[in-house]
């Protein structure tokens, strides 16, 4: 029998936070002609942003109910999600660490320059849809937020290159 680690997520957390985010962001990357989600930096920033925000909502609402994963597992969730995507694209361990660092720096820069919003009301609505088992609405809302992140990053990059 396999040993269960306290650093693992429970299936509800994976299904509610990680899976819909990856599905939506992979679709956005594909629509941008990227063969791998991991090679589209704006989409990876969207993954990090959405997972971080959904995790915050989850922790605020359900984290105290005693059914959540360990705080260590939840703290690692945004980075673990990024690592999962990069490992799927066969990045080396060194490249995974470097890319996660780059996503962190870029995400902080985007927040500091107010390119991305620290609050995402649509993700609150997405969470409500997820808890009501309305996956279609949840994915549409997550997709809207992720699409907004990707567009904001693209617009910001264009503005920076023109200066």
N, C-alpha and C. Protein backbone atom coordinates (compact mmCIF):
# COMPACT_ATOMS: atom_id res chain seq x y z
N UNK A 1 0.83 -1.18 0.00
CA UNK A 1 0.00 0.00 0.00
C UNK A 1 0.88 1.25 0.00
N UNK A 2 0.51 2.23 -0.81
CA UNK A 2 1.28 3.47 -0.91
C UNK A 2 1.15 4.28 0.37
N UNK A 3 2.25 4.91 0.72
CA UNK A 3 2.25 5.76 1.90
C UNK A 3 1.71 7.14 1.54
N UNK A 4 0.89 7.69 2.40
CA UNK A 4 0.31 9.01 2.16
C UNK A 4 1.15 10.03 2.91
N UNK A 5 1.52 11.09 2.22
CA UNK A 5 2.35 12.13 2.80
C UNK A 5 1.49 13.33 3.19
N UNK A 6 1.86 13.98 4.29
CA UNK A 6 1.11 15.17 4.69
C UNK A 6 1.38 16.34 3.76
N UNK A 7 2.38 16.22 2.88
CA UNK A 7 2.67 17.27 1.91
C UNK A 7 1.80 17.17 0.66
N UNK A 8 0.93 16.18 0.61
CA UNK A 8 0.05 16.02 -0.54
C UNK A 8 -1.21 16.84 -0.35
N UNK A 9 -1.80 17.22 -1.47
CA UNK A 9 -3.11 17.87 -1.45
C UNK A 9 -4.18 16.81 -1.39
N UNK A 10 -5.32 17.19 -0.86
CA UNK A 10 -6.44 16.26 -0.98
C UNK A 10 -7.07 16.45 -2.36
N UNK A 11 -7.87 15.52 -2.77
CA UNK A 11 -8.40 15.56 -4.14
C UNK A 11 -9.34 16.74 -4.36
N UNK A 12 -10.08 17.17 -3.35
CA UNK A 12 -10.96 18.33 -3.49
C UNK A 12 -10.16 19.58 -3.82
N UNK A 13 -9.04 19.75 -3.16
CA UNK A 13 -8.20 20.93 -3.42
C UNK A 13 -7.64 20.89 -4.84
N UNK A 14 -7.18 19.73 -5.25
CA UNK A 14 -6.67 19.60 -6.61
C UNK A 14 -7.78 19.89 -7.62
N UNK A 15 -8.95 19.29 -7.43
CA UNK A 15 -10.06 19.45 -8.37
C UNK A 15 -10.62 20.87 -8.37
N UNK A 16 -10.54 21.56 -7.25
CA UNK A 16 -11.13 22.89 -7.14
C UNK A 16 -10.17 24.02 -7.51
N UNK A 17 -8.90 23.81 -7.33
CA UNK A 17 -7.93 24.89 -7.53
C UNK A 17 -7.03 24.62 -8.73
N UNK A 18 -6.39 23.47 -8.73
CA UNK A 18 -5.36 23.19 -9.74
C UNK A 18 -5.95 22.78 -11.08
N UNK A 19 -6.80 21.78 -11.08
CA UNK A 19 -7.29 21.22 -12.35
C UNK A 19 -7.99 22.24 -13.25
N UNK A 20 -8.95 23.02 -12.74
CA UNK A 20 -9.60 23.97 -13.65
C UNK A 20 -8.64 25.07 -14.13
N UNK A 21 -7.70 25.46 -13.29
CA UNK A 21 -6.74 26.48 -13.70
C UNK A 21 -5.85 25.96 -14.81
N UNK A 22 -5.34 24.75 -14.66
CA UNK A 22 -4.49 24.18 -15.70
C UNK A 22 -5.25 23.97 -16.99
N UNK A 23 -6.48 23.49 -16.90
CA UNK A 23 -7.28 23.26 -18.09
C UNK A 23 -7.47 24.56 -18.87
N UNK A 24 -7.86 25.60 -18.17
CA UNK A 24 -8.13 26.88 -18.81
C UNK A 24 -6.85 27.50 -19.38
N UNK A 25 -5.79 27.50 -18.59
CA UNK A 25 -4.55 28.13 -19.04
C UNK A 25 -3.89 27.36 -20.18
N UNK A 26 -3.99 26.04 -20.18
CA UNK A 26 -3.48 25.25 -21.30
C UNK A 26 -4.25 25.59 -22.58
N UNK A 27 -5.54 25.79 -22.44
CA UNK A 27 -6.36 26.16 -23.59
C UNK A 27 -5.97 27.54 -24.13
N UNK A 28 -5.70 28.46 -23.22
CA UNK A 28 -5.27 29.80 -23.65
C UNK A 28 -3.93 29.71 -24.36
N UNK A 29 -2.99 28.95 -23.80
CA UNK A 29 -1.68 28.79 -24.44
C UNK A 29 -1.83 28.18 -25.83
N UNK A 30 -2.68 27.18 -25.95
CA UNK A 30 -2.90 26.55 -27.26
C UNK A 30 -3.48 27.55 -28.25
N UNK A 31 -4.38 28.41 -27.79
CA UNK A 31 -4.98 29.41 -28.68
C UNK A 31 -3.94 30.44 -29.11
N UNK A 32 -2.85 30.53 -28.37
CA UNK A 32 -1.75 31.45 -28.70
C UNK A 32 -0.64 30.72 -29.49
N UNK A 33 -0.96 29.51 -29.96
CA UNK A 33 -0.04 28.68 -30.76
C UNK A 33 1.20 28.25 -29.98
N UNK A 34 1.07 28.11 -28.68
CA UNK A 34 2.15 27.58 -27.86
C UNK A 34 1.91 26.08 -27.69
N UNK A 35 2.86 25.26 -28.07
CA UNK A 35 2.67 23.82 -27.93
C UNK A 35 2.67 23.36 -26.46
N UNK A 36 3.31 24.13 -25.60
CA UNK A 36 3.40 23.79 -24.18
C UNK A 36 2.98 24.98 -23.35
N UNK A 37 2.16 24.75 -22.38
CA UNK A 37 1.80 25.80 -21.43
C UNK A 37 3.05 26.37 -20.78
N UNK A 38 4.01 25.50 -20.48
CA UNK A 38 5.23 25.90 -19.77
C UNK A 38 6.07 26.91 -20.53
N UNK A 39 5.92 27.00 -21.84
CA UNK A 39 6.74 27.92 -22.63
C UNK A 39 6.05 29.25 -22.90
N UNK A 40 4.88 29.45 -22.37
CA UNK A 40 4.15 30.71 -22.54
C UNK A 40 4.16 31.46 -21.21
N UNK A 41 5.10 32.41 -21.06
CA UNK A 41 5.26 33.10 -19.78
C UNK A 41 3.99 33.81 -19.33
N UNK A 42 3.27 34.54 -20.18
CA UNK A 42 2.03 35.16 -19.70
C UNK A 42 1.03 34.13 -19.17
N UNK A 43 0.95 32.98 -19.81
CA UNK A 43 0.04 31.92 -19.32
C UNK A 43 0.54 31.33 -18.01
N UNK A 44 1.84 31.18 -17.86
CA UNK A 44 2.38 30.68 -16.59
C UNK A 44 2.14 31.69 -15.47
N UNK A 45 2.23 32.97 -15.81
CA UNK A 45 1.90 34.00 -14.82
C UNK A 45 0.42 33.91 -14.45
N UNK A 46 -0.41 33.61 -15.43
CA UNK A 46 -1.84 33.44 -15.15
C UNK A 46 -2.07 32.24 -14.23
N UNK A 47 -1.36 31.14 -14.48
CA UNK A 47 -1.47 29.96 -13.62
C UNK A 47 -1.13 30.35 -12.18
N UNK A 48 0.00 30.99 -12.01
CA UNK A 48 0.45 31.37 -10.67
C UNK A 48 -0.55 32.31 -10.00
N UNK A 49 -0.99 33.30 -10.75
CA UNK A 49 -1.93 34.30 -10.21
C UNK A 49 -3.25 33.66 -9.79
N UNK A 50 -3.82 32.86 -10.67
CA UNK A 50 -5.12 32.26 -10.39
C UNK A 50 -5.02 31.24 -9.25
N UNK A 51 -4.01 30.38 -9.28
CA UNK A 51 -3.87 29.38 -8.21
C UNK A 51 -3.66 30.09 -6.87
N UNK A 52 -2.82 31.11 -6.85
CA UNK A 52 -2.57 31.85 -5.61
C UNK A 52 -3.85 32.47 -5.07
N UNK A 53 -4.63 33.09 -5.95
CA UNK A 53 -5.87 33.76 -5.52
C UNK A 53 -6.94 32.75 -5.10
N UNK A 54 -7.11 31.68 -5.87
CA UNK A 54 -8.09 30.65 -5.48
C UNK A 54 -7.69 29.99 -4.16
N UNK A 55 -6.41 29.77 -3.98
CA UNK A 55 -5.92 29.20 -2.73
C UNK A 55 -6.25 30.13 -1.56
N UNK A 56 -6.10 31.43 -1.76
CA UNK A 56 -6.44 32.38 -0.72
C UNK A 56 -7.91 32.33 -0.36
N UNK A 57 -8.77 32.25 -1.36
CA UNK A 57 -10.21 32.15 -1.11
C UNK A 57 -10.53 30.84 -0.38
N UNK A 58 -9.96 29.75 -0.87
CA UNK A 58 -10.16 28.44 -0.24
C UNK A 58 -9.72 28.48 1.23
N UNK A 59 -8.54 29.01 1.48
CA UNK A 59 -8.00 29.04 2.84
C UNK A 59 -8.87 29.89 3.76
N UNK A 60 -9.33 31.03 3.25
CA UNK A 60 -10.20 31.91 4.05
C UNK A 60 -11.52 31.23 4.41
N UNK A 61 -12.08 30.50 3.45
CA UNK A 61 -13.41 29.94 3.65
C UNK A 61 -13.42 28.53 4.22
N UNK A 62 -12.51 27.70 3.78
CA UNK A 62 -12.57 26.29 4.15
C UNK A 62 -11.38 25.83 4.97
N UNK A 63 -10.35 26.64 5.04
CA UNK A 63 -9.12 26.22 5.69
C UNK A 63 -9.27 25.88 7.16
N UNK A 64 -10.24 26.47 7.81
CA UNK A 64 -10.41 26.23 9.24
C UNK A 64 -11.38 25.10 9.56
N UNK A 65 -11.87 24.43 8.54
CA UNK A 65 -12.85 23.37 8.78
C UNK A 65 -12.21 22.03 9.14
N UNK A 66 -10.88 21.97 9.08
CA UNK A 66 -10.19 20.75 9.49
C UNK A 66 -10.05 19.70 8.41
N UNK A 67 -10.59 19.94 7.25
CA UNK A 67 -10.51 18.96 6.17
C UNK A 67 -9.43 19.32 5.15
N UNK A 68 -8.80 20.47 5.32
CA UNK A 68 -7.83 20.91 4.33
C UNK A 68 -6.50 20.18 4.52
N UNK A 69 -5.69 20.24 3.49
CA UNK A 69 -4.36 19.65 3.55
C UNK A 69 -3.50 20.44 4.53
N UNK A 70 -2.33 19.93 4.79
CA UNK A 70 -1.44 20.61 5.72
C UNK A 70 -1.07 21.99 5.19
N UNK A 71 -0.72 22.88 6.09
CA UNK A 71 -0.32 24.23 5.67
C UNK A 71 0.93 24.16 4.79
N UNK A 72 1.81 23.17 5.04
CA UNK A 72 3.00 23.02 4.21
C UNK A 72 2.60 22.71 2.76
N UNK A 73 1.65 21.82 2.58
CA UNK A 73 1.21 21.47 1.23
C UNK A 73 0.54 22.66 0.55
N UNK A 74 -0.29 23.37 1.28
CA UNK A 74 -1.00 24.51 0.70
C UNK A 74 -0.03 25.65 0.37
N UNK A 75 0.96 25.87 1.22
CA UNK A 75 1.95 26.92 0.95
C UNK A 75 2.72 26.63 -0.34
N UNK A 76 2.92 25.36 -0.64
CA UNK A 76 3.69 24.96 -1.82
C UNK A 76 2.83 24.89 -3.09
N UNK A 77 1.53 25.03 -2.96
CA UNK A 77 0.64 24.76 -4.08
C UNK A 77 0.93 25.59 -5.34
N UNK A 78 1.07 26.91 -5.26
CA UNK A 78 1.35 27.65 -6.51
C UNK A 78 2.63 27.17 -7.20
N UNK A 79 3.70 26.99 -6.42
CA UNK A 79 4.95 26.54 -7.02
C UNK A 79 4.86 25.09 -7.50
N UNK A 80 4.17 24.26 -6.75
CA UNK A 80 4.01 22.86 -7.16
C UNK A 80 3.23 22.76 -8.47
N UNK A 81 2.25 23.64 -8.64
CA UNK A 81 1.48 23.65 -9.89
C UNK A 81 2.37 24.06 -11.06
N UNK A 82 3.18 25.09 -10.86
CA UNK A 82 4.12 25.50 -11.91
C UNK A 82 5.10 24.38 -12.22
N UNK A 83 5.62 23.75 -11.17
CA UNK A 83 6.59 22.66 -11.37
C UNK A 83 5.95 21.50 -12.14
N UNK A 84 4.71 21.19 -11.82
CA UNK A 84 3.99 20.12 -12.52
C UNK A 84 3.93 20.40 -14.02
N UNK A 85 3.61 21.63 -14.37
CA UNK A 85 3.53 22.02 -15.79
C UNK A 85 4.90 21.91 -16.45
N UNK A 86 5.93 22.37 -15.77
CA UNK A 86 7.27 22.35 -16.35
C UNK A 86 7.84 20.93 -16.46
N UNK A 87 7.53 20.10 -15.48
CA UNK A 87 7.99 18.71 -15.56
C UNK A 87 7.29 17.98 -16.71
N UNK A 88 6.02 18.30 -16.93
CA UNK A 88 5.29 17.71 -18.06
C UNK A 88 5.96 18.09 -19.38
N UNK A 89 6.53 19.29 -19.43
CA UNK A 89 7.23 19.75 -20.64
C UNK A 89 8.69 19.30 -20.64
N UNK A 90 9.05 18.45 -19.68
CA UNK A 90 10.37 17.85 -19.57
C UNK A 90 11.49 18.85 -19.31
N UNK A 91 11.20 19.89 -18.52
CA UNK A 91 12.24 20.81 -18.07
C UNK A 91 13.13 20.07 -17.07
N UNK A 92 14.40 20.41 -17.05
CA UNK A 92 15.30 19.85 -16.03
C UNK A 92 14.95 20.44 -14.67
N UNK A 93 15.40 19.79 -13.60
CA UNK A 93 15.14 20.30 -12.26
C UNK A 93 15.71 21.70 -12.07
N UNK A 94 16.91 21.95 -12.62
CA UNK A 94 17.50 23.29 -12.51
C UNK A 94 16.66 24.32 -13.25
N UNK A 95 16.19 23.95 -14.43
CA UNK A 95 15.35 24.87 -15.21
C UNK A 95 14.03 25.15 -14.49
N UNK A 96 13.45 24.14 -13.87
CA UNK A 96 12.20 24.32 -13.12
C UNK A 96 12.41 25.36 -12.02
N UNK A 97 13.48 25.20 -11.26
CA UNK A 97 13.75 26.15 -10.17
C UNK A 97 13.97 27.56 -10.70
N UNK A 98 14.72 27.69 -11.78
CA UNK A 98 14.98 29.01 -12.37
C UNK A 98 13.69 29.64 -12.89
N UNK A 99 12.87 28.84 -13.54
CA UNK A 99 11.61 29.36 -14.10
C UNK A 99 10.63 29.77 -13.01
N UNK A 100 10.55 28.99 -11.95
CA UNK A 100 9.67 29.36 -10.84
C UNK A 100 10.14 30.68 -10.24
N UNK A 101 11.45 30.84 -10.09
CA UNK A 101 11.99 32.11 -9.60
C UNK A 101 11.62 33.26 -10.53
N UNK A 102 11.73 33.03 -11.83
CA UNK A 102 11.40 34.08 -12.80
C UNK A 102 9.91 34.44 -12.74
N UNK A 103 9.05 33.44 -12.59
CA UNK A 103 7.62 33.71 -12.47
C UNK A 103 7.35 34.52 -11.21
N UNK A 104 7.99 34.19 -10.11
CA UNK A 104 7.82 34.95 -8.86
C UNK A 104 8.21 36.41 -9.06
N UNK A 105 9.38 36.63 -9.64
CA UNK A 105 9.86 38.00 -9.84
C UNK A 105 8.93 38.77 -10.77
N UNK A 106 8.53 38.14 -11.86
CA UNK A 106 7.64 38.81 -12.82
C UNK A 106 6.29 39.10 -12.20
N UNK A 107 5.75 38.15 -11.45
CA UNK A 107 4.43 38.35 -10.82
C UNK A 107 4.49 39.51 -9.83
N UNK A 108 5.55 39.57 -9.03
CA UNK A 108 5.69 40.66 -8.07
C UNK A 108 5.83 42.00 -8.79
N UNK A 109 6.58 42.02 -9.87
CA UNK A 109 6.74 43.25 -10.65
C UNK A 109 5.39 43.71 -11.21
N UNK A 110 4.61 42.76 -11.71
CA UNK A 110 3.30 43.09 -12.27
C UNK A 110 2.34 43.60 -11.19
N UNK A 111 2.44 43.05 -10.00
CA UNK A 111 1.62 43.56 -8.88
C UNK A 111 2.10 44.95 -8.47
N UNK A 112 3.42 45.12 -8.35
CA UNK A 112 3.98 46.41 -7.93
C UNK A 112 3.62 47.52 -8.91
N UNK A 113 3.63 47.20 -10.19
CA UNK A 113 3.33 48.20 -11.21
C UNK A 113 1.83 48.29 -11.51
N UNK A 114 1.05 47.58 -10.72
CA UNK A 114 -0.41 47.57 -10.81
C UNK A 114 -0.93 47.15 -12.18
N UNK A 115 -0.17 46.24 -12.80
CA UNK A 115 -0.62 45.63 -14.05
C UNK A 115 -1.68 44.58 -13.73
N UNK A 116 -1.48 43.88 -12.62
CA UNK A 116 -2.43 42.87 -12.16
C UNK A 116 -3.09 43.36 -10.88
N UNK A 117 -4.32 42.99 -10.72
CA UNK A 117 -5.06 43.37 -9.53
C UNK A 117 -4.78 42.38 -8.40
N UNK A 118 -4.64 42.91 -7.20
CA UNK A 118 -4.46 42.05 -6.04
C UNK A 118 -5.78 41.37 -5.66
N UNK A 119 -6.88 41.92 -6.09
CA UNK A 119 -8.20 41.36 -5.81
C UNK A 119 -8.83 40.90 -7.13
N UNK A 120 -9.47 39.78 -7.10
CA UNK A 120 -10.11 39.24 -8.31
C UNK A 120 -11.55 38.85 -7.98
N UNK A 121 -12.50 39.78 -8.10
CA UNK A 121 -13.90 39.45 -7.80
C UNK A 121 -14.43 38.28 -8.63
N UNK A 122 -13.96 38.15 -9.87
CA UNK A 122 -14.43 37.04 -10.71
C UNK A 122 -13.99 35.69 -10.14
N UNK A 123 -12.85 35.67 -9.44
CA UNK A 123 -12.42 34.41 -8.83
C UNK A 123 -13.28 34.07 -7.63
N UNK A 124 -13.78 35.08 -6.94
CA UNK A 124 -14.75 34.80 -5.87
C UNK A 124 -16.00 34.15 -6.45
N UNK A 125 -16.44 34.68 -7.59
CA UNK A 125 -17.61 34.10 -8.26
C UNK A 125 -17.28 32.69 -8.77
N UNK A 126 -16.05 32.49 -9.26
CA UNK A 126 -15.64 31.16 -9.72
C UNK A 126 -15.65 30.17 -8.56
N UNK A 127 -15.19 30.64 -7.40
CA UNK A 127 -15.20 29.76 -6.23
C UNK A 127 -16.62 29.38 -5.86
N UNK A 128 -17.52 30.33 -5.90
CA UNK A 128 -18.94 30.05 -5.60
C UNK A 128 -19.48 29.00 -6.58
N UNK A 129 -19.12 29.14 -7.85
CA UNK A 129 -19.57 28.17 -8.85
C UNK A 129 -18.96 26.79 -8.58
N UNK A 130 -17.68 26.75 -8.22
CA UNK A 130 -17.03 25.47 -7.91
C UNK A 130 -17.70 24.78 -6.72
N UNK A 131 -18.01 25.55 -5.69
CA UNK A 131 -18.63 24.95 -4.51
C UNK A 131 -20.07 24.54 -4.77
N UNK A 132 -20.66 25.09 -5.83
CA UNK A 132 -22.02 24.70 -6.22
C UNK A 132 -21.99 23.62 -7.30
N UNK A 133 -20.80 23.08 -7.57
CA UNK A 133 -20.59 22.04 -8.60
C UNK A 133 -20.99 22.52 -10.00
N UNK A 134 -20.83 23.79 -10.26
CA UNK A 134 -21.09 24.36 -11.58
C UNK A 134 -19.75 24.59 -12.28
N UNK A 135 -19.16 23.49 -12.76
CA UNK A 135 -17.83 23.55 -13.35
C UNK A 135 -17.78 24.42 -14.60
N UNK A 136 -18.85 24.43 -15.37
CA UNK A 136 -18.87 25.21 -16.61
C UNK A 136 -18.72 26.70 -16.30
N UNK A 137 -19.51 27.19 -15.35
CA UNK A 137 -19.42 28.60 -14.97
C UNK A 137 -18.07 28.90 -14.33
N UNK A 138 -17.61 28.00 -13.48
CA UNK A 138 -16.32 28.21 -12.81
C UNK A 138 -15.19 28.32 -13.82
N UNK A 139 -15.17 27.41 -14.79
CA UNK A 139 -14.12 27.46 -15.80
C UNK A 139 -14.22 28.71 -16.66
N UNK A 140 -15.43 29.15 -16.95
CA UNK A 140 -15.59 30.38 -17.73
C UNK A 140 -15.05 31.59 -16.96
N UNK A 141 -15.34 31.65 -15.67
CA UNK A 141 -14.85 32.75 -14.85
C UNK A 141 -13.33 32.69 -14.66
N UNK A 142 -12.81 31.50 -14.41
CA UNK A 142 -11.36 31.33 -14.30
C UNK A 142 -10.71 31.70 -15.62
N UNK A 143 -11.33 31.29 -16.72
CA UNK A 143 -10.81 31.62 -18.04
C UNK A 143 -10.79 33.11 -18.30
N UNK A 144 -11.82 33.80 -17.83
CA UNK A 144 -11.87 35.26 -18.01
C UNK A 144 -10.73 35.92 -17.24
N UNK A 145 -10.51 35.49 -16.01
CA UNK A 145 -9.42 36.07 -15.20
C UNK A 145 -8.07 35.74 -15.84
N UNK A 146 -7.87 34.48 -16.19
CA UNK A 146 -6.60 34.08 -16.80
C UNK A 146 -6.38 34.83 -18.12
N UNK A 147 -7.42 34.96 -18.91
CA UNK A 147 -7.31 35.71 -20.16
C UNK A 147 -6.97 37.17 -19.92
N UNK A 148 -7.57 37.75 -18.87
CA UNK A 148 -7.25 39.14 -18.52
C UNK A 148 -5.79 39.28 -18.10
N UNK A 149 -5.28 38.30 -17.35
CA UNK A 149 -3.88 38.34 -16.93
C UNK A 149 -2.98 38.27 -18.16
N UNK A 150 -3.24 37.34 -19.04
CA UNK A 150 -2.43 37.18 -20.25
C UNK A 150 -2.46 38.46 -21.09
N UNK A 151 -3.64 39.02 -21.27
CA UNK A 151 -3.76 40.25 -22.06
C UNK A 151 -3.03 41.41 -21.39
N UNK A 152 -3.16 41.53 -20.08
CA UNK A 152 -2.49 42.61 -19.35
C UNK A 152 -0.97 42.47 -19.47
N UNK A 153 -0.47 41.24 -19.37
CA UNK A 153 0.97 41.02 -19.49
C UNK A 153 1.43 41.36 -20.91
N UNK A 154 0.70 40.91 -21.91
CA UNK A 154 1.05 41.22 -23.30
C UNK A 154 1.05 42.72 -23.55
N UNK A 155 0.01 43.42 -23.07
CA UNK A 155 -0.08 44.87 -23.26
C UNK A 155 1.07 45.59 -22.55
N UNK A 156 1.36 45.15 -21.34
CA UNK A 156 2.44 45.76 -20.57
C UNK A 156 3.77 45.56 -21.27
N UNK A 157 4.00 44.36 -21.79
CA UNK A 157 5.25 44.07 -22.51
C UNK A 157 5.37 44.96 -23.75
N UNK A 158 4.28 45.14 -24.48
CA UNK A 158 4.32 46.00 -25.66
C UNK A 158 4.64 47.44 -25.28
N UNK A 159 4.05 47.92 -24.21
CA UNK A 159 4.31 49.27 -23.74
C UNK A 159 5.78 49.42 -23.34
N UNK A 160 6.31 48.44 -22.65
CA UNK A 160 7.71 48.49 -22.21
C UNK A 160 8.68 48.48 -23.38
N UNK A 161 8.39 47.71 -24.42
CA UNK A 161 9.31 47.61 -25.55
C UNK A 161 9.28 48.88 -26.41
N UNK A 162 8.19 49.64 -26.34
CA UNK A 162 8.09 50.90 -27.11
C UNK A 162 8.83 52.04 -26.44
N UNK A 163 9.12 51.90 -25.16
CA UNK A 163 9.79 53.00 -24.43
C UNK A 163 11.27 53.00 -24.65
